[in-house]
């Protein structure tokens, strides 16, 4: 439901600001695609939390890499509904 998505996005923004995580969340009405940026251990811990959350299923990591610059610097969690 849209209300639940808004709650998740707001909670993500709050959490990510406190932990210096940036990223993007895309939703096409069925599936989500998310990019997370930050210190590796912090992002890995967050991914563990996401995978353990009963609201999520079928969590798949597509890529994991080290980058020189963040693509979403300044965005604690940008959200786009496609």
C-alpha atoms as a PDB file:
ATOM      1  CA  UNK A   1       0.000   0.000   0.000  1.00  0.00           C
ATOM      2  CA  UNK A   2       1.275   3.512  -0.779  1.00  0.00           C
ATOM      3  CA  UNK A   3       1.089   4.518   2.893  1.00  0.00           C
ATOM      4  CA  UNK A   4       3.422   1.670   3.867  1.00  0.00           C
ATOM      5  CA  UNK A   5       5.877   2.692   1.158  1.00  0.00           C
ATOM      6  CA  UNK A   6       5.883   6.282   2.410  1.00  0.00           C
ATOM      7  CA  UNK A   7       6.571   5.007   5.943  1.00  0.00           C
ATOM      8  CA  UNK A   8       9.438   2.816   4.720  1.00  0.00           C
ATOM      9  CA  UNK A   9      10.970   5.677   2.716  1.00  0.00           C
ATOM     10  CA  UNK A  10      10.727   8.068   5.680  1.00  0.00           C
ATOM     11  CA  UNK A  11      12.287   5.524   8.054  1.00  0.00           C
ATOM     12  CA  UNK A  12      15.045   4.829   5.507  1.00  0.00           C
ATOM     13  CA  UNK A  13      15.826   8.518   5.141  1.00  0.00           C
ATOM     14  CA  UNK A  14      16.063   8.958   8.903  1.00  0.00           C
ATOM     15  CA  UNK A  15      18.257   5.872   9.364  1.00  0.00           C
ATOM     16  CA  UNK A  16      20.473   6.685   6.389  1.00  0.00           C
ATOM     17  CA  UNK A  17      21.112  10.277   7.472  1.00  0.00           C
ATOM     18  CA  UNK A  18      22.314   9.021  10.863  1.00  0.00           C
ATOM     19  CA  UNK A  19      24.630   6.438   9.250  1.00  0.00           C
ATOM     20  CA  UNK A  20      25.973   8.446   6.262  1.00  0.00           C
ATOM     21  CA  UNK A  21      24.218   6.207   3.730  1.00  0.00           C
ATOM     22  CA  UNK A  22      22.968   7.626   0.448  1.00  0.00           C
ATOM     23  CA  UNK A  23      20.967   5.978  -2.286  1.00  0.00           C
ATOM     24  CA  UNK A  24      17.973   5.614  -4.533  1.00  0.00           C
ATOM     25  CA  UNK A  25      14.806   3.519  -4.288  1.00  0.00           C
ATOM     26  CA  UNK A  26      12.793   2.831  -7.454  1.00  0.00           C
ATOM     27  CA  UNK A  27       9.340   1.203  -7.437  1.00  0.00           C
ATOM     28  CA  UNK A  28       7.421   0.103 -10.524  1.00  0.00           C
ATOM     29  CA  UNK A  29       4.246  -0.903  -8.706  1.00  0.00           C
ATOM     30  CA  UNK A  30       5.432  -4.482  -8.254  1.00  0.00           C
ATOM     31  CA  UNK A  31       9.173  -4.581  -7.568  1.00  0.00           C
ATOM     32  CA  UNK A  32      11.750  -2.352  -5.944  1.00  0.00           C
ATOM     33  CA  UNK A  33      15.283  -1.590  -7.071  1.00  0.00           C
ATOM     34  CA  UNK A  34      17.553   0.048  -4.538  1.00  0.00           C
ATOM     35  CA  UNK A  35      21.058   1.489  -4.616  1.00  0.00           C
ATOM     36  CA  UNK A  36      22.868   2.017  -1.320  1.00  0.00           C
ATOM     37  CA  UNK A  37      26.139   3.914  -0.859  1.00  0.00           C
ATOM     38  CA  UNK A  38      28.300   4.208   2.222  1.00  0.00           C
ATOM     39  CA  UNK A  39      30.939   2.479   4.298  1.00  0.00           C
ATOM     40  CA  UNK A  40      30.920  -1.219   3.357  1.00  0.00           C
ATOM     41  CA  UNK A  41      30.310  -2.607   6.867  1.00  0.00           C
ATOM     42  CA  UNK A  42      27.427  -0.191   7.483  1.00  0.00           C
ATOM     43  CA  UNK A  43      25.775  -0.963   4.134  1.00  0.00           C
ATOM     44  CA  UNK A  44      26.228  -4.715   4.669  1.00  0.00           C
ATOM     45  CA  UNK A  45      24.598  -4.443   8.109  1.00  0.00           C
ATOM     46  CA  UNK A  46      21.694  -2.524   6.552  1.00  0.00           C
ATOM     47  CA  UNK A  47      21.300  -5.171   3.842  1.00  0.00           C
ATOM     48  CA  UNK A  48      21.122  -7.838   6.559  1.00  0.00           C
ATOM     49  CA  UNK A  49      18.340  -5.836   8.258  1.00  0.00           C
ATOM     50  CA  UNK A  50      16.457  -5.407   4.973  1.00  0.00           C
ATOM     51  CA  UNK A  51      16.711  -9.126   4.129  1.00  0.00           C
ATOM     52  CA  UNK A  52      15.451 -10.071   7.620  1.00  0.00           C
ATOM     53  CA  UNK A  53      12.477  -7.676   7.462  1.00  0.00           C
ATOM     54  CA  UNK A  54       9.225  -9.602   6.861  1.00  0.00           C
ATOM     55  CA  UNK A  55       7.980  -6.810   4.541  1.00  0.00           C
ATOM     56  CA  UNK A  56      10.691  -7.777   2.033  1.00  0.00           C
ATOM     57  CA  UNK A  57      10.981 -10.969   0.033  1.00  0.00           C
ATOM     58  CA  UNK A  58      13.229 -12.131  -2.765  1.00  0.00           C
ATOM     59  CA  UNK A  59      16.038  -9.720  -1.874  1.00  0.00           C
ATOM     60  CA  UNK A  60      18.818 -10.083  -4.460  1.00  0.00           C
ATOM     61  CA  UNK A  61      22.113  -8.192  -4.541  1.00  0.00           C
ATOM     62  CA  UNK A  62      22.840  -7.405  -8.185  1.00  0.00           C
ATOM     63  CA  UNK A  63      26.187  -5.672  -7.718  1.00  0.00           C
ATOM     64  CA  UNK A  64      28.562  -4.741  -4.942  1.00  0.00           C
ATOM     65  CA  UNK A  65      31.471  -2.470  -5.748  1.00  0.00           C
ATOM     66  CA  UNK A  66      33.762   0.225  -4.439  1.00  0.00           C
ATOM     67  CA  UNK A  67      33.449   3.624  -6.119  1.00  0.00           C
ATOM     68  CA  UNK A  68      35.480   6.834  -5.947  1.00  0.00           C
ATOM     69  CA  UNK A  69      32.412   9.099  -5.779  1.00  0.00           C
ATOM     70  CA  UNK A  70      28.838   8.584  -4.669  1.00  0.00           C
ATOM     71  CA  UNK A  71      26.212   8.793  -7.396  1.00  0.00           C
ATOM     72  CA  UNK A  72      23.533   9.944  -4.915  1.00  0.00           C
ATOM     73  CA  UNK A  73      25.560  12.215  -2.647  1.00  0.00           C
ATOM     74  CA  UNK A  74      23.172  14.401  -0.672  1.00  0.00           C
ATOM     75  CA  UNK A  75      20.241  11.982  -1.037  1.00  0.00           C
ATOM     76  CA  UNK A  76      19.619  10.005   2.158  1.00  0.00           C
ATOM     77  CA  UNK A  77      17.092   8.056   0.066  1.00  0.00           C
ATOM     78  CA  UNK A  78      15.767   9.425  -3.181  1.00  0.00           C
ATOM     79  CA  UNK A  79      12.452   7.753  -4.091  1.00  0.00           C
ATOM     80  CA  UNK A  80      10.988   7.399  -7.576  1.00  0.00           C
ATOM     81  CA  UNK A  81       7.705   5.694  -8.446  1.00  0.00           C
ATOM     82  CA  UNK A  82       7.833   4.598 -12.086  1.00  0.00           C
END
